[in-house]
PDB file of all heavy atoms in Angstrom:
ATOM      1  N   GLY A   1       0.800  -1.196   0.003  1.00  0.00           N
ATOM      2  CA  GLY A   1      -0.022   0.021  -0.050  1.00  0.00           C
ATOM      3  C   GLY A   1       0.830   1.283  -0.013  1.00  0.00           C
ATOM      4  O   GLY A   1       0.300   2.346  -0.241  1.00  0.00           O
ATOM      5  N   ARG A   2       2.140   1.106   0.312  1.00  0.00           N
ATOM      6  CA  ARG A   2       3.020   2.305   0.328  1.00  0.00           C
ATOM      7  C   ARG A   2       4.104   2.233  -0.800  1.00  0.00           C
ATOM      8  O   ARG A   2       4.415   3.314  -1.378  1.00  0.00           O
ATOM      9  CB  ARG A   2       3.754   2.418   1.642  1.00  0.00           C
ATOM     10  CG  ARG A   2       2.808   2.598   2.819  1.00  0.00           C
ATOM     11  CD  ARG A   2       3.603   2.899   4.115  1.00  0.00           C
ATOM     12  NE  ARG A   2       4.510   1.797   4.503  1.00  0.00           N
ATOM     13  CZ  ARG A   2       5.812   1.890   4.706  1.00  0.00           C
ATOM     14  NH1 ARG A   2       6.358   3.127   4.492  1.00  0.00           N
ATOM     15  NH2 ARG A   2       6.556   0.884   5.030  1.00  0.00           N
ATOM     16  N   PHE A   3       4.515   1.098  -1.091  1.00  0.00           N
ATOM     17  CA  PHE A   3       5.585   0.889  -2.149  1.00  0.00           C
ATOM     18  C   PHE A   3       4.981   0.289  -3.399  1.00  0.00           C
ATOM     19  O   PHE A   3       4.041  -0.539  -3.320  1.00  0.00           O
ATOM     20  CB  PHE A   3       6.718  -0.054  -1.610  1.00  0.00           C
ATOM     21  CG  PHE A   3       7.532   0.531  -0.495  1.00  0.00           C
ATOM     22  CD1 PHE A   3       7.230   1.719   0.187  1.00  0.00           C
ATOM     23  CD2 PHE A   3       8.704  -0.132  -0.127  1.00  0.00           C
ATOM     24  CE1 PHE A   3       8.003   2.238   1.213  1.00  0.00           C
ATOM     25  CE2 PHE A   3       9.472   0.401   0.910  1.00  0.00           C
ATOM     26  CZ  PHE A   3       9.063   1.541   1.539  1.00  0.00           C
ATOM     27  N   THR A   4       5.592   0.599  -4.529  1.00  0.00           N
ATOM     28  CA  THR A   4       5.213   0.037  -5.827  1.00  0.00           C
ATOM     29  C   THR A   4       6.427  -0.413  -6.605  1.00  0.00           C
ATOM     30  O   THR A   4       7.295   0.422  -6.873  1.00  0.00           O
ATOM     31  CB  THR A   4       4.380   1.038  -6.588  1.00  0.00           C
ATOM     32  OG1 THR A   4       3.173   1.431  -5.836  1.00  0.00           O
ATOM     33  CG2 THR A   4       3.874   0.336  -7.947  1.00  0.00           C
ATOM     34  N   ILE A   5       6.429  -1.641  -6.950  1.00  0.00           N
ATOM     35  CA  ILE A   5       7.562  -2.123  -7.837  1.00  0.00           C
ATOM     36  C   ILE A   5       7.067  -2.163  -9.287  1.00  0.00           C
ATOM     37  O   ILE A   5       5.949  -2.486  -9.541  1.00  0.00           O
ATOM     38  CB  ILE A   5       8.016  -3.557  -7.357  1.00  0.00           C
ATOM     39  CG1 ILE A   5       9.313  -4.008  -8.081  1.00  0.00           C
ATOM     40  CG2 ILE A   5       6.928  -4.565  -7.495  1.00  0.00           C
ATOM     41  CD1 ILE A   5       9.933  -5.222  -7.533  1.00  0.00           C
ATOM     42  N   SER A   6       7.997  -1.804 -10.206  1.00  0.00           N
ATOM     43  CA  SER A   6       7.616  -1.817 -11.584  1.00  0.00           C
ATOM     44  C   SER A   6       8.843  -2.060 -12.443  1.00  0.00           C
ATOM     45  O   SER A   6       9.959  -2.030 -11.839  1.00  0.00           O
ATOM     46  CB  SER A   6       6.994  -0.447 -12.008  1.00  0.00           C
ATOM     47  OG  SER A   6       7.919   0.631 -11.794  1.00  0.00           O
ATOM     48  N   ARG A   7       8.680  -2.335 -13.714  1.00  0.00           N
ATOM     49  CA  ARG A   7       9.837  -2.650 -14.538  1.00  0.00           C
ATOM     50  C   ARG A   7       9.673  -1.961 -15.885  1.00  0.00           C
ATOM     51  O   ARG A   7       8.544  -1.794 -16.376  1.00  0.00           O
ATOM     52  CB  ARG A   7       9.963  -4.113 -14.669  1.00  0.00           C
ATOM     53  CG  ARG A   7       8.872  -4.857 -15.436  1.00  0.00           C
ATOM     54  CD  ARG A   7       8.912  -6.343 -15.223  1.00  0.00           C
ATOM     55  NE  ARG A   7      10.181  -6.938 -15.600  1.00  0.00           N
ATOM     56  CZ  ARG A   7      10.730  -8.055 -15.164  1.00  0.00           C
ATOM     57  NH1 ARG A   7      10.026  -8.766 -14.294  1.00  0.00           N
ATOM     58  NH2 ARG A   7      11.855  -8.496 -15.608  1.00  0.00           N
ATOM     59  N   ASP A   8      10.804  -1.615 -16.512  1.00  0.00           N
ATOM     60  CA  ASP A   8      10.823  -1.125 -17.841  1.00  0.00           C
ATOM     61  C   ASP A   8      11.825  -2.016 -18.622  1.00  0.00           C
ATOM     62  O   ASP A   8      13.018  -1.832 -18.493  1.00  0.00           O
ATOM     63  CB  ASP A   8      11.278   0.343 -17.861  1.00  0.00           C
ATOM     64  CG  ASP A   8      11.252   0.983 -19.265  1.00  0.00           C
ATOM     65  OD1 ASP A   8      11.348   0.219 -20.265  1.00  0.00           O
ATOM     66  OD2 ASP A   8      11.170   2.198 -19.315  1.00  0.00           O
ATOM     67  N   ASN A   9      11.334  -2.979 -19.304  1.00  0.00           N
ATOM     68  CA  ASN A   9      12.194  -3.975 -19.932  1.00  0.00           C
ATOM     69  C   ASN A   9      13.023  -3.302 -21.060  1.00  0.00           C
ATOM     70  O   ASN A   9      14.149  -3.788 -21.331  1.00  0.00           O
ATOM     71  CB  ASN A   9      11.413  -5.107 -20.524  1.00  0.00           C
ATOM     72  CG  ASN A   9      10.775  -5.943 -19.460  1.00  0.00           C
ATOM     73  OD1 ASN A   9      11.271  -6.023 -18.300  1.00  0.00           O
ATOM     74  ND2 ASN A   9       9.680  -6.670 -19.787  1.00  0.00           N
ATOM     75  N   ALA A  10      12.475  -2.250 -21.713  1.00  0.00           N
ATOM     76  CA  ALA A  10      13.287  -1.594 -22.734  1.00  0.00           C
ATOM     77  C   ALA A  10      14.550  -0.968 -22.151  1.00  0.00           C
ATOM     78  O   ALA A  10      15.584  -0.870 -22.848  1.00  0.00           O
ATOM     79  CB  ALA A  10      12.401  -0.526 -23.406  1.00  0.00           C
ATOM     80  N   LYS A  11      14.478  -0.511 -20.885  1.00  0.00           N
ATOM     81  CA  LYS A  11      15.635   0.108 -20.218  1.00  0.00           C
ATOM     82  C   LYS A  11      16.322  -0.868 -19.333  1.00  0.00           C
ATOM     83  O   LYS A  11      17.338  -0.537 -18.705  1.00  0.00           O
ATOM     84  CB  LYS A  11      15.183   1.311 -19.412  1.00  0.00           C
ATOM     85  CG  LYS A  11      14.576   2.458 -20.204  1.00  0.00           C
ATOM     86  CD  LYS A  11      14.221   3.596 -19.315  1.00  0.00           C
ATOM     87  CE  LYS A  11      13.690   4.808 -20.163  1.00  0.00           C
ATOM     88  NZ  LYS A  11      13.293   5.943 -19.367  1.00  0.00           N
ATOM     89  N   ASN A  12      15.812  -2.145 -19.322  1.00  0.00           N
ATOM     90  CA  ASN A  12      16.379  -3.175 -18.420  1.00  0.00           C
ATOM     91  C   ASN A  12      16.570  -2.618 -17.040  1.00  0.00           C
ATOM     92  O   ASN A  12      17.681  -2.857 -16.371  1.00  0.00           O
ATOM     93  CB  ASN A  12      17.774  -3.609 -19.013  1.00  0.00           C
ATOM     94  CG  ASN A  12      18.031  -5.121 -18.735  1.00  0.00           C
ATOM     95  OD1 ASN A  12      17.133  -5.870 -18.549  1.00  0.00           O
ATOM     96  ND2 ASN A  12      19.323  -5.492 -18.726  1.00  0.00           N
ATOM     97  N   THR A  13      15.551  -2.078 -16.507  1.00  0.00           N
ATOM     98  CA  THR A  13      15.525  -1.402 -15.217  1.00  0.00           C
ATOM     99  C   THR A  13      14.243  -1.735 -14.437  1.00  0.00           C
ATOM    100  O   THR A  13      13.215  -1.869 -15.019  1.00  0.00           O
ATOM    101  CB  THR A  13      15.671   0.157 -15.383  1.00  0.00           C
ATOM    102  OG1 THR A  13      16.867   0.411 -16.060  1.00  0.00           O
ATOM    103  CG2 THR A  13      15.660   0.800 -14.038  1.00  0.00           C
ATOM    104  N   VAL A  14      14.483  -1.978 -13.115  1.00  0.00           N
ATOM    105  CA  VAL A  14      13.295  -2.157 -12.271  1.00  0.00           C
ATOM    106  C   VAL A  14      13.351  -1.025 -11.219  1.00  0.00           C
ATOM    107  O   VAL A  14      14.427  -0.581 -10.740  1.00  0.00           O
ATOM    108  CB  VAL A  14      13.461  -3.511 -11.519  1.00  0.00           C
ATOM    109  CG1 VAL A  14      12.384  -3.685 -10.395  1.00  0.00           C
ATOM    110  CG2 VAL A  14      13.276  -4.704 -12.528  1.00  0.00           C
ATOM    111  N   TYR A  15      12.136  -0.601 -10.829  1.00  0.00           N
ATOM    112  CA  TYR A  15      11.969   0.532  -9.940  1.00  0.00           C
ATOM    113  C   TYR A  15      11.275   0.155  -8.671  1.00  0.00           C
ATOM    114  O   TYR A  15      10.463  -0.851  -8.671  1.00  0.00           O
ATOM    115  CB  TYR A  15      11.172   1.702 -10.634  1.00  0.00           C
ATOM    116  CG  TYR A  15      11.770   2.105 -11.958  1.00  0.00           C
ATOM    117  CD1 TYR A  15      11.301   1.573 -13.178  1.00  0.00           C
ATOM    118  CD2 TYR A  15      12.768   3.044 -12.027  1.00  0.00           C
ATOM    119  CE1 TYR A  15      11.767   1.992 -14.390  1.00  0.00           C
ATOM    120  CE2 TYR A  15      13.291   3.446 -13.228  1.00  0.00           C
ATOM    121  CZ  TYR A  15      12.844   2.916 -14.411  1.00  0.00           C
ATOM    122  OH  TYR A  15      13.387   3.308 -15.599  1.00  0.00           O
ATOM    123  N   LEU A  16      11.470   0.964  -7.635  1.00  0.00           N
ATOM    124  CA  LEU A  16      10.718   0.866  -6.424  1.00  0.00           C
ATOM    125  C   LEU A  16      10.288   2.224  -5.981  1.00  0.00           C
ATOM    126  O   LEU A  16      11.192   3.044  -5.534  1.00  0.00           O
ATOM    127  CB  LEU A  16      11.527   0.158  -5.341  1.00  0.00           C
ATOM    128  CG  LEU A  16      10.793  -0.156  -4.010  1.00  0.00           C
ATOM    129  CD1 LEU A  16       9.758  -1.271  -4.289  1.00  0.00           C
ATOM    130  CD2 LEU A  16      11.699  -0.603  -2.904  1.00  0.00           C
ATOM    131  N   GLN A  17       9.022   2.554  -6.161  1.00  0.00           N
ATOM    132  CA  GLN A  17       8.455   3.838  -5.743  1.00  0.00           C
ATOM    133  C   GLN A  17       8.100   3.638  -4.258  1.00  0.00           C
ATOM    134  O   GLN A  17       7.268   2.837  -3.925  1.00  0.00           O
ATOM    135  CB  GLN A  17       7.251   4.200  -6.599  1.00  0.00           C
ATOM    136  CG  GLN A  17       6.591   5.449  -6.156  1.00  0.00           C
ATOM    137  CD  GLN A  17       7.452   6.691  -6.333  1.00  0.00           C
ATOM    138  OE1 GLN A  17       8.143   6.817  -7.390  1.00  0.00           O
ATOM    139  NE2 GLN A  17       7.467   7.569  -5.357  1.00  0.00           N
ATOM    140  N   MET A  18       8.640   4.475  -3.431  1.00  0.00           N
ATOM    141  CA  MET A  18       8.373   4.375  -1.966  1.00  0.00           C
ATOM    142  C   MET A  18       7.694   5.660  -1.535  1.00  0.00           C
ATOM    143  O   MET A  18       8.261   6.734  -1.614  1.00  0.00           O
ATOM    144  CB  MET A  18       9.719   4.154  -1.265  1.00  0.00           C
ATOM    145  CG  MET A  18      10.517   2.982  -1.744  1.00  0.00           C
ATOM    146  SD  MET A  18      11.950   2.599  -0.718  1.00  0.00           S
ATOM    147  CE  MET A  18      12.882   4.073  -1.010  1.00  0.00           C
ATOM    148  N   ASN A  19       6.467   5.481  -1.055  1.00  0.00           N
ATOM    149  CA  ASN A  19       5.693   6.603  -0.562  1.00  0.00           C
ATOM    150  C   ASN A  19       5.429   6.454   0.929  1.00  0.00           C
ATOM    151  O   ASN A  19       5.608   5.355   1.398  1.00  0.00           O
ATOM    152  CB  ASN A  19       4.391   6.792  -1.317  1.00  0.00           C
ATOM    153  CG  ASN A  19       4.575   7.021  -2.776  1.00  0.00           C
ATOM    154  OD1 ASN A  19       5.518   7.634  -3.207  1.00  0.00           O
ATOM    155  ND2 ASN A  19       3.646   6.524  -3.613  1.00  0.00           N
ATOM    156  N   SER A  20       5.012   7.561   1.558  1.00  0.00           N
ATOM    157  CA  SER A  20       4.672   7.506   2.992  1.00  0.00           C
ATOM    158  C   SER A  20       5.776   6.792   3.768  1.00  0.00           C
ATOM    159  O   SER A  20       5.514   5.884   4.637  1.00  0.00           O
ATOM    160  CB  SER A  20       3.374   6.793   3.180  1.00  0.00           C
ATOM    161  OG  SER A  20       2.290   7.362   2.480  1.00  0.00           O
ATOM    162  N   LEU A  21       6.966   7.214   3.542  1.00  0.00           N
ATOM    163  CA  LEU A  21       8.116   6.588   4.233  1.00  0.00           C
ATOM    164  C   LEU A  21       8.120   6.793   5.686  1.00  0.00           C
ATOM    165  O   LEU A  21       7.692   7.864   6.203  1.00  0.00           O
ATOM    166  CB  LEU A  21       9.461   7.066   3.604  1.00  0.00           C
ATOM    167  CG  LEU A  21       9.767   6.457   2.299  1.00  0.00           C
ATOM    168  CD1 LEU A  21      10.759   7.319   1.499  1.00  0.00           C
ATOM    169  CD2 LEU A  21      10.331   5.079   2.461  1.00  0.00           C
ATOM    170  N   LYS A  22       8.602   5.825   6.408  1.00  0.00           N
ATOM    171  CA  LYS A  22       8.651   5.783   7.865  1.00  0.00           C
ATOM    172  C   LYS A  22      10.073   5.610   8.328  1.00  0.00           C
ATOM    173  O   LYS A  22      10.874   5.013   7.584  1.00  0.00           O
ATOM    174  CB  LYS A  22       7.814   4.608   8.432  1.00  0.00           C
ATOM    175  CG  LYS A  22       6.390   4.594   7.978  1.00  0.00           C
ATOM    176  CD  LYS A  22       5.642   3.315   8.483  1.00  0.00           C
ATOM    177  CE  LYS A  22       4.210   3.237   8.003  1.00  0.00           C
ATOM    178  NZ  LYS A  22       3.540   2.069   8.530  1.00  0.00           N
ATOM    179  N   PRO A  23      10.399   6.072   9.525  1.00  0.00           N
ATOM    180  CA  PRO A  23      11.816   5.891  10.012  1.00  0.00           C
ATOM    181  C   PRO A  23      12.182   4.393  10.016  1.00  0.00           C
ATOM    182  O   PRO A  23      13.404   4.115   9.735  1.00  0.00           O
ATOM    183  CB  PRO A  23      11.729   6.445  11.492  1.00  0.00           C
ATOM    184  CG  PRO A  23      10.643   7.462  11.396  1.00  0.00           C
ATOM    185  CD  PRO A  23       9.643   6.915  10.442  1.00  0.00           C
ATOM    186  N   GLU A  24      11.324   3.535  10.222  1.00  0.00           N
ATOM    187  CA  GLU A  24      11.606   2.084  10.221  1.00  0.00           C
ATOM    188  C   GLU A  24      11.923   1.567   8.837  1.00  0.00           C
ATOM    189  O   GLU A  24      12.315   0.376   8.680  1.00  0.00           O
ATOM    190  CB  GLU A  24      10.551   1.250  10.915  1.00  0.00           C
ATOM    191  CG  GLU A  24       9.108   1.488  10.379  1.00  0.00           C
ATOM    192  CD  GLU A  24       8.379   2.496  11.204  1.00  0.00           C
ATOM    193  OE1 GLU A  24       8.974   3.546  11.613  1.00  0.00           O
ATOM    194  OE2 GLU A  24       7.143   2.232  11.460  1.00  0.00           O
ATOM    195  N   ASP A  25      11.679   2.370   7.754  1.00  0.00           N
ATOM    196  CA  ASP A  25      12.107   1.973   6.415  1.00  0.00           C
ATOM    197  C   ASP A  25      13.596   2.250   6.174  1.00  0.00           C
ATOM    198  O   ASP A  25      14.125   1.874   5.051  1.00  0.00           O
ATOM    199  CB  ASP A  25      11.263   2.766   5.410  1.00  0.00           C
ATOM    200  CG  ASP A  25       9.772   2.390   5.431  1.00  0.00           C
ATOM    201  OD1 ASP A  25       9.524   1.145   5.575  1.00  0.00           O
ATOM    202  OD2 ASP A  25       8.965   3.272   5.260  1.00  0.00           O
ATOM    203  N   THR A  26      14.292   2.837   7.119  1.00  0.00           N
ATOM    204  CA  THR A  26      15.657   3.098   7.007  1.00  0.00           C
ATOM    205  C   THR A  26      16.474   1.840   6.847  1.00  0.00           C
ATOM    206  O   THR A  26      16.386   0.947   7.655  1.00  0.00           O
ATOM    207  CB  THR A  26      16.201   3.949   8.194  1.00  0.00           C
ATOM    208  OG1 THR A  26      15.540   5.183   8.212  1.00  0.00           O
ATOM    209  CG2 THR A  26      17.726   4.106   8.124  1.00  0.00           C
ATOM    210  N   ALA A  27      17.236   1.708   5.724  1.00  0.00           N
ATOM    211  CA  ALA A  27      17.976   0.499   5.425  1.00  0.00           C
ATOM    212  C   ALA A  27      18.759   0.708   4.167  1.00  0.00           C
ATOM    213  O   ALA A  27      18.581   1.715   3.467  1.00  0.00           O
ATOM    214  CB  ALA A  27      17.007  -0.660   5.260  1.00  0.00           C
ATOM    215  N   VAL A  28      19.592  -0.243   3.892  1.00  0.00           N
ATOM    216  CA  VAL A  28      20.206  -0.266   2.517  1.00  0.00           C
ATOM    217  C   VAL A  28      19.340  -1.194   1.697  1.00  0.00           C
ATOM    218  O   VAL A  28      18.979  -2.304   2.129  1.00  0.00           O
ATOM    219  CB  VAL A  28      21.643  -0.919   2.627  1.00  0.00           C
ATOM    220  CG1 VAL A  28      22.261  -0.978   1.175  1.00  0.00           C
ATOM    221  CG2 VAL A  28      22.513  -0.065   3.519  1.00  0.00           C
ATOM    222  N   TYR A  29      19.000  -0.682   0.523  1.00  0.00           N
ATOM    223  CA  TYR A  29      18.086  -1.402  -0.321  1.00  0.00           C
ATOM    224  C   TYR A  29      18.896  -1.991  -1.482  1.00  0.00           C
ATOM    225  O   TYR A  29      19.706  -1.357  -2.125  1.00  0.00           O
ATOM    226  CB  TYR A  29      17.068  -0.426  -0.925  1.00  0.00           C
ATOM    227  CG  TYR A  29      15.943  -0.166   0.136  1.00  0.00           C
ATOM    228  CD1 TYR A  29      16.248   0.672   1.235  1.00  0.00           C
ATOM    229  CD2 TYR A  29      14.677  -0.628   0.033  1.00  0.00           C
ATOM    230  CE1 TYR A  29      15.255   0.948   2.161  1.00  0.00           C
ATOM    231  CE2 TYR A  29      13.745  -0.402   1.010  1.00  0.00           C
ATOM    232  CZ  TYR A  29      14.016   0.407   2.084  1.00  0.00           C
ATOM    233  OH  TYR A  29      13.043   0.652   3.037  1.00  0.00           O
ATOM    234  N   PHE A  30      18.588  -3.303  -1.744  1.00  0.00           N
ATOM    235  CA  PHE A  30      19.321  -4.043  -2.837  1.00  0.00           C
ATOM    236  C   PHE A  30      18.343  -4.628  -3.801  1.00  0.00           C
ATOM    237  O   PHE A  30      17.204  -4.961  -3.439  1.00  0.00           O
ATOM    238  CB  PHE A  30      20.071  -5.230  -2.176  1.00  0.00           C
ATOM    239  CG  PHE A  30      21.064  -4.879  -1.138  1.00  0.00           C
ATOM    240  CD1 PHE A  30      20.663  -4.728   0.218  1.00  0.00           C
ATOM    241  CD2 PHE A  30      22.396  -4.735  -1.468  1.00  0.00           C
ATOM    242  CE1 PHE A  30      21.582  -4.459   1.193  1.00  0.00           C
ATOM    243  CE2 PHE A  30      23.341  -4.462  -0.505  1.00  0.00           C
ATOM    244  CZ  PHE A  30      22.924  -4.336   0.799  1.00  0.00           C
ATOM    245  N   CYS A  31      18.771  -4.774  -4.999  1.00  0.00           N
ATOM    246  CA  CYS A  31      17.979  -5.506  -5.946  1.00  0.00           C
ATOM    247  C   CYS A  31      18.687  -6.876  -6.267  1.00  0.00           C
ATOM    248  O   CYS A  31      19.893  -6.957  -6.107  1.00  0.00           O
ATOM    249  CB  CYS A  31      17.682  -4.760  -7.254  1.00  0.00           C
ATOM    250  SG  CYS A  31      19.168  -4.231  -8.183  1.00  0.00           S
ATOM    251  N   LYS A  32      17.900  -7.834  -6.692  1.00  0.00           N
ATOM    252  CA  LYS A  32      18.416  -9.170  -6.913  1.00  0.00           C
ATOM    253  C   LYS A  32      17.731  -9.805  -8.092  1.00  0.00           C
ATOM    254  O   LYS A  32      16.495  -9.729  -8.260  1.00  0.00           O
ATOM    255  CB  LYS A  32      18.282 -10.111  -5.699  1.00  0.00           C
ATOM    256  CG  LYS A  32      18.822 -11.457  -5.877  1.00  0.00           C
ATOM    257  CD  LYS A  32      18.600 -12.326  -4.623  1.00  0.00           C
ATOM    258  CE  LYS A  32      17.215 -12.875  -4.538  1.00  0.00           C
ATOM    259  NZ  LYS A  32      16.941 -14.024  -5.407  1.00  0.00           N
ATOM    260  N   VAL A  33      18.546 -10.538  -8.828  1.00  0.00           N
ATOM    261  CA  VAL A  33      17.974 -11.336  -9.943  1.00  0.00           C
ATOM    262  C   VAL A  33      18.666 -12.702  -9.992  1.00  0.00           C
ATOM    263  O   VAL A  33      19.845 -12.743  -9.595  1.00  0.00           O
ATOM    264  CB  VAL A  33      18.024 -10.619 -11.301  1.00  0.00           C
ATOM    265  CG1 VAL A  33      19.470 -10.405 -11.741  1.00  0.00           C
ATOM    266  CG2 VAL A  33      17.290 -11.358 -12.396  1.00  0.00           C
ATOM    267  N   ASP A  34      17.992 -13.719 -10.326  1.00  0.00           N
ATOM    268  CA  ASP A  34      18.596 -15.063 -10.350  1.00  0.00           C
ATOM    269  C   ASP A  34      18.702 -15.530 -11.777  1.00  0.00           C
ATOM    270  O   ASP A  34      17.808 -15.274 -12.604  1.00  0.00           O
ATOM    271  CB  ASP A  34      17.766 -16.086  -9.618  1.00  0.00           C
ATOM    272  CG  ASP A  34      17.742 -15.738  -8.153  1.00  0.00           C
ATOM    273  OD1 ASP A  34      18.707 -15.161  -7.595  1.00  0.00           O
ATOM    274  OD2 ASP A  34      16.701 -16.094  -7.459  1.00  0.00           O
ATOM    275  N   ARG A  35      19.785 -16.222 -12.111  1.00  0.00           N
ATOM    276  CA  ARG A  35      19.951 -16.799 -13.410  1.00  0.00           C
ATOM    277  C   ARG A  35      20.689 -18.158 -13.190  1.00  0.00           C
ATOM    278  O   ARG A  35      21.778 -18.137 -12.645  1.00  0.00           O
ATOM    279  CB  ARG A  35      20.691 -15.949 -14.388  1.00  0.00           C
ATOM    280  CG  ARG A  35      20.788 -16.473 -15.812  1.00  0.00           C
ATOM    281  CD  ARG A  35      21.491 -15.516 -16.708  1.00  0.00           C
ATOM    282  NE  ARG A  35      22.925 -15.428 -16.474  1.00  0.00           N
ATOM    283  CZ  ARG A  35      23.726 -14.688 -17.189  1.00  0.00           C
ATOM    284  NH1 ARG A  35      23.230 -13.954 -18.237  1.00  0.00           N
ATOM    285  NH2 ARG A  35      24.975 -14.586 -16.897  1.00  0.00           N
ATOM    286  N   PHE A  36      20.124 -19.227 -13.692  1.00  0.00           N
ATOM    287  CA  PHE A  36      20.701 -20.563 -13.578  1.00  0.00           C
ATOM    288  C   PHE A  36      21.138 -20.836 -12.166  1.00  0.00           C
ATOM    289  O   PHE A  36      22.277 -21.227 -11.930  1.00  0.00           O
ATOM    290  CB  PHE A  36      21.924 -20.662 -14.585  1.00  0.00           C
ATOM    291  CG  PHE A  36      21.526 -20.413 -15.964  1.00  0.00           C
ATOM    292  CD1 PHE A  36      22.363 -19.538 -16.739  1.00  0.00           C
ATOM    293  CD2 PHE A  36      20.421 -20.962 -16.563  1.00  0.00           C
ATOM    294  CE1 PHE A  36      22.057 -19.265 -18.092  1.00  0.00           C
ATOM    295  CE2 PHE A  36      20.142 -20.645 -17.896  1.00  0.00           C
ATOM    296  CZ  PHE A  36      20.942 -19.810 -18.634  1.00  0.00           C
ATOM    297  N   ALA A  37      20.251 -20.616 -11.221  1.00  0.00           N
ATOM    298  CA  ALA A  37      20.489 -20.877  -9.800  1.00  0.00           C
ATOM    299  C   ALA A  37      21.627 -20.009  -9.166  1.00  0.00           C
ATOM    300  O   ALA A  37      21.993 -20.313  -8.070  1.00  0.00           O
ATOM    301  CB  ALA A  37      20.779 -22.359  -9.578  1.00  0.00           C
ATOM    302  N   VAL A  38      22.013 -18.988  -9.812  1.00  0.00           N
ATOM    303  CA  VAL A  38      22.981 -18.051  -9.288  1.00  0.00           C
ATOM    304  C   VAL A  38      22.248 -16.756  -8.974  1.00  0.00           C
ATOM    305  O   VAL A  38      21.542 -16.199  -9.890  1.00  0.00           O
ATOM    306  CB  VAL A  38      24.130 -17.845 -10.219  1.00  0.00           C
ATOM    307  CG1 VAL A  38      25.086 -16.748  -9.624  1.00  0.00           C
ATOM    308  CG2 VAL A  38      24.854 -19.134 -10.448  1.00  0.00           C
ATOM    309  N   SER A  39      22.416 -16.162  -7.821  1.00  0.00           N
ATOM    310  CA  SER A  39      21.789 -14.894  -7.440  1.00  0.00           C
ATOM    311  C   SER A  39      22.796 -13.809  -7.653  1.00  0.00           C
ATOM    312  O   SER A  39      23.964 -13.904  -7.234  1.00  0.00           O
ATOM    313  CB  SER A  39      21.413 -14.919  -5.985  1.00  0.00           C
ATOM    314  OG  SER A  39      20.360 -15.820  -5.765  1.00  0.00           O
ATOM    315  N   TYR A  40      22.293 -12.720  -8.315  1.00  0.00           N
ATOM    316  CA  TYR A  40      23.144 -11.573  -8.517  1.00  0.00           C
ATOM    317  C   TYR A  40      22.529 -10.350  -7.742  1.00  0.00           C
ATOM    318  O   TYR A  40      21.290 -10.098  -7.897  1.00  0.00           O
ATOM    319  CB  TYR A  40      23.181 -11.199 -10.052  1.00  0.00           C
ATOM    320  CG  TYR A  40      23.852 -12.209 -10.814  1.00  0.00           C
ATOM    321  CD1 TYR A  40      23.107 -13.291 -11.433  1.00  0.00           C
ATOM    322  CD2 TYR A  40      25.247 -12.310 -11.030  1.00  0.00           C
ATOM    323  CE1 TYR A  40      23.719 -14.298 -12.167  1.00  0.00           C
ATOM    324  CE2 TYR A  40      25.822 -13.258 -11.749  1.00  0.00           C
ATOM    325  CZ  TYR A  40      25.117 -14.266 -12.346  1.00  0.00           C
ATOM    326  OH  TYR A  40      25.732 -15.270 -13.041  1.00  0.00           O
ATOM    327  N   TRP A  41      23.412  -9.671  -7.013  1.00  0.00           N
ATOM    328  CA  TRP A  41      22.984  -8.560  -6.188  1.00  0.00           C
ATOM    329  C   TRP A  41      23.692  -7.276  -6.633  1.00  0.00           C
ATOM    330  O   TRP A  41      24.807  -7.328  -7.068  1.00  0.00           O
ATOM    331  CB  TRP A  41      23.326  -8.866  -4.774  1.00  0.00           C
ATOM    332  CG  TRP A  41      22.635  -9.945  -4.107  1.00  0.00           C
ATOM    333  CD1 TRP A  41      23.011 -11.284  -4.097  1.00  0.00           C
ATOM    334  CD2 TRP A  41      21.450  -9.907  -3.316  1.00  0.00           C
ATOM    335  NE1 TRP A  41      22.122 -12.014  -3.407  1.00  0.00           N
ATOM    336  CE2 TRP A  41      21.164 -11.207  -2.868  1.00  0.00           C
ATOM    337  CE3 TRP A  41      20.608  -8.900  -2.902  1.00  0.00           C
ATOM    338  CZ2 TRP A  41      20.077 -11.513  -2.076  1.00  0.00           C
ATOM    339  CZ3 TRP A  41      19.468  -9.161  -2.106  1.00  0.00           C
ATOM    340  CH2 TRP A  41      19.228 -10.462  -1.719  1.00  0.00           C
ATOM    341  N   GLY A  42      22.985  -6.187  -6.405  1.00  0.00           N
ATOM    342  CA  GLY A  42      23.671  -4.881  -6.606  1.00  0.00           C
ATOM    343  C   GLY A  42      24.424  -4.517  -5.318  1.00  0.00           C
ATOM    344  O   GLY A  42      24.413  -5.267  -4.336  1.00  0.00           O
ATOM    345  N   GLN A  43      25.041  -3.344  -5.327  1.00  0.00           N
ATOM    346  CA  GLN A  43      25.827  -2.928  -4.193  1.00  0.00           C
ATOM    347  C   GLN A  43      24.995  -2.276  -3.062  1.00  0.00           C
ATOM    348  O   GLN A  43      25.403  -2.072  -1.987  1.00  0.00           O
ATOM    349  CB  GLN A  43      26.892  -1.940  -4.650  1.00  0.00           C
ATOM    350  CG  GLN A  43      26.465  -0.502  -4.824  1.00  0.00           C
ATOM    351  CD  GLN A  43      25.532  -0.262  -6.022  1.00  0.00           C
ATOM    352  OE1 GLN A  43      25.407  -1.155  -6.864  1.00  0.00           O
ATOM    353  NE2 GLN A  43      24.875   0.864  -6.056  1.00  0.00           N
ATOM    354  N   GLY A  44      23.749  -1.903  -3.478  1.00  0.00           N
ATOM    355  CA  GLY A  44      22.813  -1.292  -2.487  1.00  0.00           C
ATOM    356  C   GLY A  44      22.811   0.199  -2.566  1.00  0.00           C
ATOM    357  O   GLY A  44      23.800   0.795  -2.999  1.00  0.00           O
ATOM    358  N   THR A  45      21.752   0.741  -2.105  1.00  0.00           N
ATOM    359  CA  THR A  45      21.618   2.182  -1.970  1.00  0.00           C
ATOM    360  C   THR A  45      20.985   2.512  -0.666  1.00  0.00           C
ATOM    361  O   THR A  45      19.969   1.882  -0.232  1.00  0.00           O
ATOM    362  CB  THR A  45      20.768   2.813  -3.199  1.00  0.00           C
ATOM    363  OG1 THR A  45      20.749   4.205  -3.090  1.00  0.00           O
ATOM    364  CG2 THR A  45      19.329   2.276  -3.199  1.00  0.00           C
TER     365      THR A  45
END
């Protein structure tokens, strides 16, 4: 109800729209994708 995930395949990008943020949302956020049983992570933001 607060966050929305979406994707733009043409840009090969996934988004996370975060609204009504709370102090407890404070964290490092990572994206992940799996291929052939291997998980790939970003460095986080």
